[in-house]
Amino acid sequence: MLPMGDDNKEITEQDMEKLTDQRMLAERHLMKYCFLKLFCLGSIYMLEVK
């Protein structure tokens, strides 16, 4: 097998913090998307009920 270069370096505390920040941003983005989708569906439903 060929050496993988930088892939073999150990994961540092800083790398873990970066991953955590990215995960938090992704979760926030997903929650915002879900909220907007539910809000839009609710608005359409309310318009149809009237």
PDB file of N, CA and C in Angstrom:
ATOM      1  N   MET A   1       0.835  -1.197   0.000  1.00  0.00           N
ATOM      2  CA  MET A   1       0.000   0.000   0.000  1.00  0.00           C
ATOM      3  C   MET A   1       0.872   1.250   0.000  1.00  0.00           C
ATOM      4  N   LEU A   2       0.406   2.265  -0.683  1.00  0.00           N
ATOM      5  CA  LEU A   2       1.133   3.527  -0.722  1.00  0.00           C
ATOM      6  C   LEU A   2       0.784   4.375   0.497  1.00  0.00           C
ATOM      7  N   PRO A   3       1.760   5.150   0.971  1.00  0.00           N
ATOM      8  CA  PRO A   3       1.452   6.041   2.102  1.00  0.00           C
ATOM      9  C   PRO A   3       0.429   7.103   1.686  1.00  0.00           C
ATOM     10  N   MET A   4      -0.434   7.459   2.609  1.00  0.00           N
ATOM     11  CA  MET A   4      -1.515   8.388   2.294  1.00  0.00           C
ATOM     12  C   MET A   4      -1.159   9.854   2.541  1.00  0.00           C
ATOM     13  N   GLY A   5       0.021  10.125   3.041  1.00  0.00           N
ATOM     14  CA  GLY A   5       0.419  11.513   3.276  1.00  0.00           C
ATOM     15  C   GLY A   5      -0.262  12.094   4.502  1.00  0.00           C
ATOM     16  N   ASP A   6      -0.932  13.236   4.329  1.00  0.00           N
ATOM     17  CA  ASP A   6      -1.541  13.955   5.451  1.00  0.00           C
ATOM     18  C   ASP A   6      -2.708  13.203   6.091  1.00  0.00           C
ATOM     19  N   ASP A   7      -3.266  12.228   5.391  1.00  0.00           N
ATOM     20  CA  ASP A   7      -4.401  11.491   5.945  1.00  0.00           C
ATOM     21  C   ASP A   7      -4.002  10.686   7.184  1.00  0.00           C
ATOM     22  N   ASN A   8      -2.704  10.419   7.337  1.00  0.00           N
ATOM     23  CA  ASN A   8      -2.248   9.615   8.467  1.00  0.00           C
ATOM     24  C   ASN A   8      -1.976  10.444   9.717  1.00  0.00           C
ATOM     25  N   LYS A   9      -2.057  11.778   9.621  1.00  0.00           N
ATOM     26  CA  LYS A   9      -1.766  12.593  10.807  1.00  0.00           C
ATOM     27  C   LYS A   9      -2.888  12.445  11.830  1.00  0.00           C
ATOM     28  N   GLU A  10      -2.543  12.656  13.086  1.00  0.00           N
ATOM     29  CA  GLU A  10      -3.532  12.489  14.148  1.00  0.00           C
ATOM     30  C   GLU A  10      -4.512  13.655  14.150  1.00  0.00           C
ATOM     31  N   ILE A  11      -5.718  13.379  14.588  1.00  0.00           N
ATOM     32  CA  ILE A  11      -6.734  14.430  14.680  1.00  0.00           C
ATOM     33  C   ILE A  11      -6.444  15.255  15.929  1.00  0.00           C
ATOM     34  N   THR A  12      -6.319  16.555  15.753  1.00  0.00           N
ATOM     35  CA  THR A  12      -6.016  17.434  16.880  1.00  0.00           C
ATOM     36  C   THR A  12      -7.306  17.975  17.490  1.00  0.00           C
ATOM     37  N   GLU A  13      -7.154  18.625  18.629  1.00  0.00           N
ATOM     38  CA  GLU A  13      -8.291  19.256  19.309  1.00  0.00           C
ATOM     39  C   GLU A  13      -8.930  20.314  18.407  1.00  0.00           C
ATOM     40  N   GLN A  14      -8.077  21.034  17.670  1.00  0.00           N
ATOM     41  CA  GLN A  14      -8.563  22.089  16.773  1.00  0.00           C
ATOM     42  C   GLN A  14      -9.420  21.493  15.647  1.00  0.00           C
ATOM     43  N   ASP A  15      -8.996  20.347  15.115  1.00  0.00           N
ATOM     44  CA  ASP A  15      -9.781  19.676  14.072  1.00  0.00           C
ATOM     45  C   ASP A  15     -11.160  19.298  14.606  1.00  0.00           C
ATOM     46  N   MET A  16     -11.193  18.805  15.847  1.00  0.00           N
ATOM     47  CA  MET A  16     -12.468  18.412  16.451  1.00  0.00           C
ATOM     48  C   MET A  16     -13.379  19.623  16.627  1.00  0.00           C
ATOM     49  N   GLU A  17     -12.797  20.762  17.035  1.00  0.00           N
ATOM     50  CA  GLU A  17     -13.593  21.985  17.207  1.00  0.00           C
ATOM     51  C   GLU A  17     -14.173  22.436  15.877  1.00  0.00           C
ATOM     52  N   LYS A  18     -13.372  22.346  14.810  1.00  0.00           N
ATOM     53  CA  LYS A  18     -13.853  22.730  13.477  1.00  0.00           C
ATOM     54  C   LYS A  18     -15.029  21.863  13.057  1.00  0.00           C
ATOM     55  N   LEU A  19     -14.901  20.552  13.280  1.00  0.00           N
ATOM     56  CA  LEU A  19     -15.978  19.628  12.916  1.00  0.00           C
ATOM     57  C   LEU A  19     -17.244  19.925  13.711  1.00  0.00           C
ATOM     58  N   THR A  20     -17.072  20.235  15.002  1.00  0.00           N
ATOM     59  CA  THR A  20     -18.231  20.549  15.843  1.00  0.00           C
ATOM     60  C   THR A  20     -18.917  21.812  15.351  1.00  0.00           C
ATOM     61  N   ASP A  21     -18.123  22.838  15.003  1.00  0.00           N
ATOM     62  CA  ASP A  21     -18.695  24.086  14.488  1.00  0.00           C
ATOM     63  C   ASP A  21     -19.457  23.834  13.197  1.00  0.00           C
ATOM     64  N   GLN A  22     -18.886  23.033  12.309  1.00  0.00           N
ATOM     65  CA  GLN A  22     -19.548  22.734  11.035  1.00  0.00           C
ATOM     66  C   GLN A  22     -20.844  21.979  11.268  1.00  0.00           C
ATOM     67  N   ARG A  23     -20.829  21.061  12.233  1.00  0.00           N
ATOM     68  CA  ARG A  23     -22.043  20.294  12.529  1.00  0.00           C
ATOM     69  C   ARG A  23     -23.133  21.205  13.089  1.00  0.00           C
ATOM     70  N   MET A  24     -22.739  22.134  13.971  1.00  0.00           N
ATOM     71  CA  MET A  24     -23.710  23.057  14.545  1.00  0.00           C
ATOM     72  C   MET A  24     -24.319  23.945  13.470  1.00  0.00           C
ATOM     73  N   LEU A  25     -23.494  24.422  12.541  1.00  0.00           N
ATOM     74  CA  LEU A  25     -24.000  25.248  11.444  1.00  0.00           C
ATOM     75  C   LEU A  25     -24.956  24.457  10.569  1.00  0.00           C
ATOM     76  N   ALA A  26     -24.609  23.207  10.290  1.00  0.00           N
ATOM     77  CA  ALA A  26     -25.467  22.362   9.455  1.00  0.00           C
ATOM     78  C   ALA A  26     -26.804  22.108  10.146  1.00  0.00           C
ATOM     79  N   GLU A  27     -26.771  21.845  11.457  1.00  0.00           N
ATOM     80  CA  GLU A  27     -28.012  21.605  12.198  1.00  0.00           C
ATOM     81  C   GLU A  27     -28.883  22.851  12.212  1.00  0.00           C
ATOM     82  N   ARG A  28     -28.255  24.016  12.399  1.00  0.00           N
ATOM     83  CA  ARG A  28     -28.998  25.279  12.417  1.00  0.00           C
ATOM     84  C   ARG A  28     -29.650  25.525  11.062  1.00  0.00           C
ATOM     85  N   HIS A  29     -28.902  25.257  10.004  1.00  0.00           N
ATOM     86  CA  HIS A  29     -29.412  25.441   8.641  1.00  0.00           C
ATOM     87  C   HIS A  29     -30.597  24.509   8.394  1.00  0.00           C
ATOM     88  N   LEU A  30     -30.474  23.264   8.840  1.00  0.00           N
ATOM     89  CA  LEU A  30     -31.540  22.279   8.649  1.00  0.00           C
ATOM     90  C   LEU A  30     -32.793  22.672   9.426  1.00  0.00           C
ATOM     91  N   MET A  31     -32.614  23.139  10.663  1.00  0.00           N
ATOM     92  CA  MET A  31     -33.763  23.553  11.467  1.00  0.00           C
ATOM     93  C   MET A  31     -34.471  24.743  10.828  1.00  0.00           C
ATOM     94  N   LYS A  32     -33.685  25.694  10.307  1.00  0.00           N
ATOM     95  CA  LYS A  32     -34.266  26.867   9.654  1.00  0.00           C
ATOM     96  C   LYS A  32     -35.059  26.436   8.423  1.00  0.00           C
ATOM     97  N   TYR A  33     -34.509  25.508   7.652  1.00  0.00           N
ATOM     98  CA  TYR A  33     -35.180  25.011   6.450  1.00  0.00           C
ATOM     99  C   TYR A  33     -36.490  24.314   6.814  1.00  0.00           C
ATOM    100  N   CYS A  34     -36.439  23.449   7.832  1.00  0.00           N
ATOM    101  CA  CYS A  34     -37.645  22.718   8.248  1.00  0.00           C
ATOM    102  C   CYS A  34     -38.709  23.679   8.759  1.00  0.00           C
ATOM    103  N   PHE A  35     -38.298  24.690   9.529  1.00  0.00           N
ATOM    104  CA  PHE A  35     -39.252  25.666  10.054  1.00  0.00           C
ATOM    105  C   PHE A  35     -39.923  26.420   8.914  1.00  0.00           C
ATOM    106  N   LEU A  36     -39.130  26.877   7.943  1.00  0.00           N
ATOM    107  CA  LEU A  36     -39.693  27.607   6.806  1.00  0.00           C
ATOM    108  C   LEU A  36     -40.647  26.733   6.005  1.00  0.00           C
ATOM    109  N   LYS A  37     -40.279  25.477   5.823  1.00  0.00           N
ATOM    110  CA  LYS A  37     -41.126  24.559   5.056  1.00  0.00           C
ATOM    111  C   LYS A  37     -42.458  24.351   5.768  1.00  0.00           C
ATOM    112  N   LEU A  38     -42.397  24.115   7.087  1.00  0.00           N
ATOM    113  CA  LEU A  38     -43.626  23.933   7.857  1.00  0.00           C
ATOM    114  C   LEU A  38     -44.474  25.200   7.844  1.00  0.00           C
ATOM    115  N   PHE A  39     -43.821  26.352   7.965  1.00  0.00           N
ATOM    116  CA  PHE A  39     -44.538  27.629   7.964  1.00  0.00           C
ATOM    117  C   PHE A  39     -45.262  27.836   6.638  1.00  0.00           C
ATOM    118  N   CYS A  40     -44.573  27.544   5.535  1.00  0.00           N
ATOM    119  CA  CYS A  40     -45.179  27.691   4.200  1.00  0.00           C
ATOM    120  C   CYS A  40     -46.347  26.728   4.020  1.00  0.00           C
ATOM    121  N   LEU A  41     -46.166  25.469   4.423  1.00  0.00           N
ATOM    122  CA  LEU A  41     -47.246  24.490   4.304  1.00  0.00           C
ATOM    123  C   LEU A  41     -48.442  24.903   5.156  1.00  0.00           C
ATOM    124  N   GLY A  42     -48.165  25.416   6.355  1.00  0.00           N
ATOM    125  CA  GLY A  42     -49.242  25.876   7.238  1.00  0.00           C
ATOM    126  C   GLY A  42     -49.990  27.043   6.630  1.00  0.00           C
ATOM    127  N   SER A  43     -49.257  27.970   6.022  1.00  0.00           N
ATOM    128  CA  SER A  43     -49.884  29.137   5.391  1.00  0.00           C
ATOM    129  C   SER A  43     -50.775  28.710   4.232  1.00  0.00           C
ATOM    130  N   ILE A  44     -50.293  27.792   3.418  1.00  0.00           N
ATOM    131  CA  ILE A  44     -51.078  27.302   2.275  1.00  0.00           C
ATOM    132  C   ILE A  44     -52.337  26.599   2.781  1.00  0.00           C
ATOM    133  N   TYR A  45     -52.175  25.808   3.845  1.00  0.00           N
ATOM    134  CA  TYR A  45     -53.322  25.095   4.413  1.00  0.00           C
ATOM    135  C   TYR A  45     -54.374  26.089   4.916  1.00  0.00           C
ATOM    136  N   MET A  46     -53.915  27.137   5.621  1.00  0.00           N
ATOM    137  CA  MET A  46     -54.842  28.139   6.161  1.00  0.00           C
ATOM    138  C   MET A  46     -55.572  28.864   5.036  1.00  0.00           C
ATOM    139  N   LEU A  47     -54.882  29.134   3.935  1.00  0.00           N
ATOM    140  CA  LEU A  47     -55.519  29.816   2.803  1.00  0.00           C
ATOM    141  C   LEU A  47     -56.576  28.924   2.161  1.00  0.00           C
ATOM    142  N   GLU A  48     -56.298  27.625   2.095  1.00  0.00           N
ATOM    143  CA  GLU A  48     -57.243  26.700   1.465  1.00  0.00           C
ATOM    144  C   GLU A  48     -58.469  26.468   2.338  1.00  0.00           C
ATOM    145  N   VAL A  49     -58.290  26.526   3.652  1.00  0.00           N
ATOM    146  CA  VAL A  49     -59.400  26.272   4.572  1.00  0.00           C
ATOM    147  C   VAL A  49     -60.421  27.405   4.516  1.00  0.00           C
ATOM    148  N   LYS A  50     -59.954  28.635   4.350  1.00  0.00           N
ATOM    149  CA  LYS A  50     -60.859  29.805   4.342  1.00  0.00           C
ATOM    150  C   LYS A  50     -61.900  29.742   3.272  1.00  0.00           C
TER     151      LYS A  50
END
